[in-house]
Amino acid sequence: MLVLSRRLNETIVIGGDVRITLLGIEGDKIKLGIDAPKSIKVFREEILEATRTTNRQALDAPVVSFGLSKPADAGGSKGE
């Protein structure tokens, strides 16, 4: 892991097209501005992990049938 120190309004450039700027410092929190191409997805790690956990739980959940069946042929007989 690369660890860098930045002052207010200083920027880090990643890969030539992603810019991360320190916008503010408020107590124990900082505000970052991220400028990246739309093709690069940017996620907060805790949200990404929560989504992964939810998806895993959905995959492991049993499938419940509610008695729905395929509808009868409503188009009449073929070839008429």
C-alpha atoms as a PDB file:
ATOM      1  CA  MET A   1       0.000   0.000   0.000  1.00  0.00           C
ATOM      2  CA  LEU A   2       1.296   3.416  -0.954  1.00  0.00           C
ATOM      3  CA  VAL A   3       0.748   6.000   1.788  1.00  0.00           C
ATOM      4  CA  LEU A   4       0.819   9.677   0.831  1.00  0.00           C
ATOM      5  CA  SER A   5       0.341  12.877   2.796  1.00  0.00           C
ATOM      6  CA  ARG A   6      -1.648  15.683   1.184  1.00  0.00           C
ATOM      7  CA  ARG A   7      -2.499  19.201   2.232  1.00  0.00           C
ATOM      8  CA  LEU A   8      -5.816  20.885   1.571  1.00  0.00           C
ATOM      9  CA  ASN A   9      -6.510  21.213  -2.190  1.00  0.00           C
ATOM     10  CA  GLU A  10      -3.572  18.994  -3.175  1.00  0.00           C
ATOM     11  CA  THR A  11      -4.245  16.249  -5.737  1.00  0.00           C
ATOM     12  CA  ILE A  12      -3.063  12.715  -6.418  1.00  0.00           C
ATOM     13  CA  VAL A  13      -3.194  11.446 -10.016  1.00  0.00           C
ATOM     14  CA  ILE A  14      -3.682   7.717 -10.666  1.00  0.00           C
ATOM     15  CA  GLY A  15      -3.085   6.230 -14.091  1.00  0.00           C
ATOM     16  CA  GLY A  16      -3.101   9.634 -15.758  1.00  0.00           C
ATOM     17  CA  ASP A  17      -6.893   9.998 -15.762  1.00  0.00           C
ATOM     18  CA  VAL A  18      -8.049   9.639 -12.147  1.00  0.00           C
ATOM     19  CA  ARG A  19      -7.561  12.650  -9.892  1.00  0.00           C
ATOM     20  CA  ILE A  20      -8.190  12.597  -6.135  1.00  0.00           C
ATOM     21  CA  THR A  21      -8.189  15.973  -4.398  1.00  0.00           C
ATOM     22  CA  LEU A  22      -8.307  16.668  -0.665  1.00  0.00           C
ATOM     23  CA  LEU A  23     -11.199  19.140  -0.451  1.00  0.00           C
ATOM     24  CA  GLY A  24     -11.716  19.519   3.257  1.00  0.00           C
ATOM     25  CA  ILE A  25     -10.787  18.461   6.757  1.00  0.00           C
ATOM     26  CA  GLU A  26     -13.454  18.435   9.472  1.00  0.00           C
ATOM     27  CA  GLY A  27     -12.342  16.894  12.759  1.00  0.00           C
ATOM     28  CA  ASP A  28     -11.515  13.239  12.131  1.00  0.00           C
ATOM     29  CA  LYS A  29     -13.082  13.242   8.643  1.00  0.00           C
ATOM     30  CA  ILE A  30     -11.730  14.363   5.309  1.00  0.00           C
ATOM     31  CA  LYS A  31     -13.579  15.180   2.103  1.00  0.00           C
ATOM     32  CA  LEU A  32     -12.157  13.803  -1.122  1.00  0.00           C
ATOM     33  CA  GLY A  33     -13.074  14.848  -4.619  1.00  0.00           C
ATOM     34  CA  ILE A  34     -12.648  12.121  -7.236  1.00  0.00           C
ATOM     35  CA  ASP A  35     -12.522  12.985 -10.911  1.00  0.00           C
ATOM     36  CA  ALA A  36     -12.495   9.864 -13.083  1.00  0.00           C
ATOM     37  CA  PRO A  37     -13.803   8.799 -16.486  1.00  0.00           C
ATOM     38  CA  LYS A  38     -17.364   7.424 -16.435  1.00  0.00           C
ATOM     39  CA  SER A  39     -15.973   4.039 -17.485  1.00  0.00           C
ATOM     40  CA  ILE A  40     -14.270   3.727 -14.082  1.00  0.00           C
ATOM     41  CA  LYS A  41     -16.647   2.737 -11.300  1.00  0.00           C
ATOM     42  CA  VAL A  42     -15.986   4.375  -7.924  1.00  0.00           C
ATOM     43  CA  PHE A  43     -17.588   2.824  -4.824  1.00  0.00           C
ATOM     44  CA  ARG A  44     -17.402   3.342  -1.077  1.00  0.00           C
ATOM     45  CA  GLU A  45     -15.939   0.101   0.235  1.00  0.00           C
ATOM     46  CA  GLU A  46     -18.537  -0.405   2.986  1.00  0.00           C
ATOM     47  CA  ILE A  47     -21.401  -0.060   0.477  1.00  0.00           C
ATOM     48  CA  LEU A  48     -19.712  -2.430  -1.960  1.00  0.00           C
ATOM     49  CA  GLU A  49     -19.208  -5.034   0.792  1.00  0.00           C
ATOM     50  CA  ALA A  50     -22.820  -4.687   2.007  1.00  0.00           C
ATOM     51  CA  THR A  51     -24.037  -5.243  -1.563  1.00  0.00           C
ATOM     52  CA  ARG A  52     -21.834  -8.322  -1.926  1.00  0.00           C
ATOM     53  CA  THR A  53     -23.132  -9.737   1.357  1.00  0.00           C
ATOM     54  CA  THR A  54     -26.757  -9.148   0.333  1.00  0.00           C
ATOM     55  CA  ASN A  55     -26.147 -10.790  -3.039  1.00  0.00           C
ATOM     56  CA  ARG A  56     -24.526 -13.833  -1.399  1.00  0.00           C
ATOM     57  CA  GLN A  57     -27.489 -14.156   0.982  1.00  0.00           C
ATOM     58  CA  ALA A  58     -29.933 -13.949  -1.930  1.00  0.00           C
ATOM     59  CA  LEU A  59     -28.068 -16.702  -3.783  1.00  0.00           C
ATOM     60  CA  ASP A  60     -28.148 -18.940  -0.692  1.00  0.00           C
ATOM     61  CA  ALA A  61     -31.838 -18.332   0.085  1.00  0.00           C
ATOM     62  CA  PRO A  62     -34.283 -21.119  -0.740  1.00  0.00           C
ATOM     63  CA  VAL A  63     -36.540 -20.616  -3.738  1.00  0.00           C
ATOM     64  CA  VAL A  64     -40.181 -20.478  -2.680  1.00  0.00           C
ATOM     65  CA  SER A  65     -42.963 -21.399  -5.062  1.00  0.00           C
ATOM     66  CA  PHE A  66     -46.207 -19.503  -4.659  1.00  0.00           C
ATOM     67  CA  GLY A  67     -48.248 -21.926  -6.727  1.00  0.00           C
ATOM     68  CA  LEU A  68     -47.894 -19.897  -9.882  1.00  0.00           C
ATOM     69  CA  SER A  69     -47.993 -21.924 -13.037  1.00  0.00           C
ATOM     70  CA  LYS A  70     -47.315 -21.170 -16.657  1.00  0.00           C
ATOM     71  CA  PRO A  71     -50.372 -19.520 -18.221  1.00  0.00           C
ATOM     72  CA  ALA A  72     -52.422 -21.585 -20.662  1.00  0.00           C
ATOM     73  CA  ASP A  73     -51.945 -20.881 -24.357  1.00  0.00           C
ATOM     74  CA  ALA A  74     -54.009 -17.732 -24.911  1.00  0.00           C
ATOM     75  CA  GLY A  75     -53.222 -17.394 -28.567  1.00  0.00           C
ATOM     76  CA  GLY A  76     -55.379 -20.232 -29.870  1.00  0.00           C
ATOM     77  CA  SER A  77     -54.030 -23.168 -31.790  1.00  0.00           C
ATOM     78  CA  LYS A  78     -51.117 -22.666 -34.118  1.00  0.00           C
ATOM     79  CA  GLY A  79     -51.529 -22.893 -37.859  1.00  0.00           C
ATOM     80  CA  GLU A  80     -55.002 -21.396 -38.051  1.00  0.00           C
END
